[in-house]
Amino acid sequence: MRRIKIHLIFLLGTTLNMGIYGVWWGIVIINCSAEFISHIYTSNKLRKLKLQMINKETTRESLNCDPLCTDELFSIKHKPSWNYFP
């Protein structure tokens, strides 16, 4: 990945004879491409996490588990002594 950055900046700065503007445009292109790749990666991860959470909630509903229950496999329902919404 480092070579791509160096080659892009060299291409814009020297080969295309853009000088310092080529270096700056190379930095902009590299940052925009990194943002685009991170956006796609993060969107996919969040979509998978959302699906996991939906599956977990439907499993809790099918087992009649308390929403505060941390593990669906246990049938013991833990009710805290303090109030969540004062």
C-alpha atoms as a PDB file:
ATOM      1  CA  MET A   1       0.000   0.000   0.000  1.00  0.00           C
ATOM      2  CA  ARG A   2       2.878   2.339   0.741  1.00  0.00           C
ATOM      3  CA  ARG A   3       4.231   1.881  -2.797  1.00  0.00           C
ATOM      4  CA  ILE A   4       0.894   2.897  -4.290  1.00  0.00           C
ATOM      5  CA  LYS A   5       1.005   6.145  -2.311  1.00  0.00           C
ATOM      6  CA  ILE A   6       4.566   6.904  -3.375  1.00  0.00           C
ATOM      7  CA  HIS A   7       3.870   6.079  -7.016  1.00  0.00           C
ATOM      8  CA  LEU A   8       0.695   8.191  -7.074  1.00  0.00           C
ATOM      9  CA  ILE A   9       2.435  11.210  -5.588  1.00  0.00           C
ATOM     10  CA  PHE A  10       5.401  10.722  -7.941  1.00  0.00           C
ATOM     11  CA  LEU A  11       3.033  10.397 -10.914  1.00  0.00           C
ATOM     12  CA  LEU A  12       1.122  13.562 -10.075  1.00  0.00           C
ATOM     13  CA  GLY A  13       4.100  15.601  -8.888  1.00  0.00           C
ATOM     14  CA  THR A  14       6.785  14.687 -11.399  1.00  0.00           C
ATOM     15  CA  THR A  15       5.434  12.792 -14.382  1.00  0.00           C
ATOM     16  CA  LEU A  16       2.419  15.046 -14.921  1.00  0.00           C
ATOM     17  CA  ASN A  17       4.585  18.064 -14.024  1.00  0.00           C
ATOM     18  CA  MET A  18       2.147  19.349 -11.362  1.00  0.00           C
ATOM     19  CA  GLY A  19       4.840  20.004  -8.747  1.00  0.00           C
ATOM     20  CA  ILE A  20       3.645  20.674  -5.208  1.00  0.00           C
ATOM     21  CA  TYR A  21       0.015  20.700  -6.377  1.00  0.00           C
ATOM     22  CA  GLY A  22       0.472  17.119  -7.525  1.00  0.00           C
ATOM     23  CA  VAL A  23       1.676  16.148  -4.068  1.00  0.00           C
ATOM     24  CA  TRP A  24      -1.363  17.774  -2.465  1.00  0.00           C
ATOM     25  CA  TRP A  25      -3.763  16.195  -4.949  1.00  0.00           C
ATOM     26  CA  GLY A  26      -2.104  12.838  -4.283  1.00  0.00           C
ATOM     27  CA  ILE A  27      -2.750  13.264  -0.567  1.00  0.00           C
ATOM     28  CA  VAL A  28      -6.387  14.200  -1.252  1.00  0.00           C
ATOM     29  CA  ILE A  29      -6.917  11.187  -3.518  1.00  0.00           C
ATOM     30  CA  ILE A  30      -5.337   8.813  -0.991  1.00  0.00           C
ATOM     31  CA  ASN A  31      -7.441  10.185   1.879  1.00  0.00           C
ATOM     32  CA  CYS A  32     -10.676  10.061  -0.123  1.00  0.00           C
ATOM     33  CA  SER A  33     -10.039   6.488  -1.216  1.00  0.00           C
ATOM     34  CA  ALA A  34      -9.256   5.476   2.402  1.00  0.00           C
ATOM     35  CA  GLU A  35     -12.505   7.096   3.554  1.00  0.00           C
ATOM     36  CA  PHE A  36     -14.471   5.281   0.854  1.00  0.00           C
ATOM     37  CA  ILE A  37     -12.970   1.896   1.767  1.00  0.00           C
ATOM     38  CA  SER A  38     -13.568   2.481   5.516  1.00  0.00           C
ATOM     39  CA  HIS A  39     -17.168   3.521   4.837  1.00  0.00           C
ATOM     40  CA  ILE A  40     -17.877   0.317   2.903  1.00  0.00           C
ATOM     41  CA  TYR A  41     -16.155  -1.857   5.538  1.00  0.00           C
ATOM     42  CA  THR A  42     -17.958  -0.166   8.443  1.00  0.00           C
ATOM     43  CA  SER A  43     -21.344  -0.338   6.710  1.00  0.00           C
ATOM     44  CA  ASN A  44     -20.958  -4.075   6.170  1.00  0.00           C
ATOM     45  CA  LYS A  45     -19.896  -4.655   9.780  1.00  0.00           C
ATOM     46  CA  LEU A  46     -22.817  -2.605  11.138  1.00  0.00           C
ATOM     47  CA  ARG A  47     -25.269  -4.451   8.897  1.00  0.00           C
ATOM     48  CA  LYS A  48     -23.997  -7.801  10.195  1.00  0.00           C
ATOM     49  CA  LEU A  49     -24.167  -6.555  13.796  1.00  0.00           C
ATOM     50  CA  LYS A  50     -27.739  -5.358  13.282  1.00  0.00           C
ATOM     51  CA  LEU A  51     -28.716  -8.774  11.922  1.00  0.00           C
ATOM     52  CA  GLN A  52     -27.108 -10.481  14.914  1.00  0.00           C
ATOM     53  CA  MET A  53     -28.995  -8.219  17.311  1.00  0.00           C
ATOM     54  CA  ILE A  54     -32.294  -8.878  15.528  1.00  0.00           C
ATOM     55  CA  ASN A  55     -31.689 -12.626  15.669  1.00  0.00           C
ATOM     56  CA  LYS A  56     -30.809 -12.410  19.358  1.00  0.00           C
ATOM     57  CA  GLU A  57     -34.011 -10.477  20.160  1.00  0.00           C
ATOM     58  CA  THR A  58     -36.206 -12.901  18.251  1.00  0.00           C
ATOM     59  CA  THR A  59     -34.566 -15.766  20.147  1.00  0.00           C
ATOM     60  CA  ARG A  60     -35.286 -14.025  23.455  1.00  0.00           C
ATOM     61  CA  GLU A  61     -38.922 -13.470  22.463  1.00  0.00           C
ATOM     62  CA  SER A  62     -39.363 -17.093  21.435  1.00  0.00           C
ATOM     63  CA  LEU A  63     -37.926 -18.286  24.777  1.00  0.00           C
ATOM     64  CA  ASN A  64     -39.982 -15.788  26.802  1.00  0.00           C
ATOM     65  CA  CYS A  65     -36.805 -14.399  28.282  1.00  0.00           C
ATOM     66  CA  ASP A  66     -36.667 -11.128  30.179  1.00  0.00           C
ATOM     67  CA  PRO A  67     -35.063  -8.307  28.093  1.00  0.00           C
ATOM     68  CA  LEU A  68     -32.527  -7.875  30.897  1.00  0.00           C
ATOM     69  CA  CYS A  69     -31.534 -11.525  30.717  1.00  0.00           C
ATOM     70  CA  THR A  70     -27.959 -11.869  29.518  1.00  0.00           C
ATOM     71  CA  ASP A  71     -28.075 -15.473  28.387  1.00  0.00           C
ATOM     72  CA  GLU A  72     -31.031 -17.050  26.598  1.00  0.00           C
ATOM     73  CA  LEU A  73     -30.108 -20.574  27.662  1.00  0.00           C
ATOM     74  CA  PHE A  74     -30.866 -19.985  31.344  1.00  0.00           C
ATOM     75  CA  SER A  75     -34.479 -20.079  32.400  1.00  0.00           C
ATOM     76  CA  ILE A  76     -33.840 -18.182  35.631  1.00  0.00           C
ATOM     77  CA  LYS A  77     -35.035 -14.613  35.216  1.00  0.00           C
ATOM     78  CA  HIS A  78     -33.054 -12.051  37.129  1.00  0.00           C
ATOM     79  CA  LYS A  79     -35.013  -9.011  38.248  1.00  0.00           C
ATOM     80  CA  PRO A  80     -32.866  -6.231  39.701  1.00  0.00           C
ATOM     81  CA  SER A  81     -33.903  -4.598  42.924  1.00  0.00           C
ATOM     82  CA  TRP A  82     -33.264  -1.089  41.645  1.00  0.00           C
ATOM     83  CA  ASN A  83     -35.329   0.801  39.097  1.00  0.00           C
ATOM     84  CA  TYR A  84     -33.959   1.478  35.598  1.00  0.00           C
ATOM     85  CA  PHE A  85     -36.247   4.458  34.987  1.00  0.00           C
ATOM     86  CA  PRO A  86     -36.498   6.627  38.105  1.00  0.00           C
END
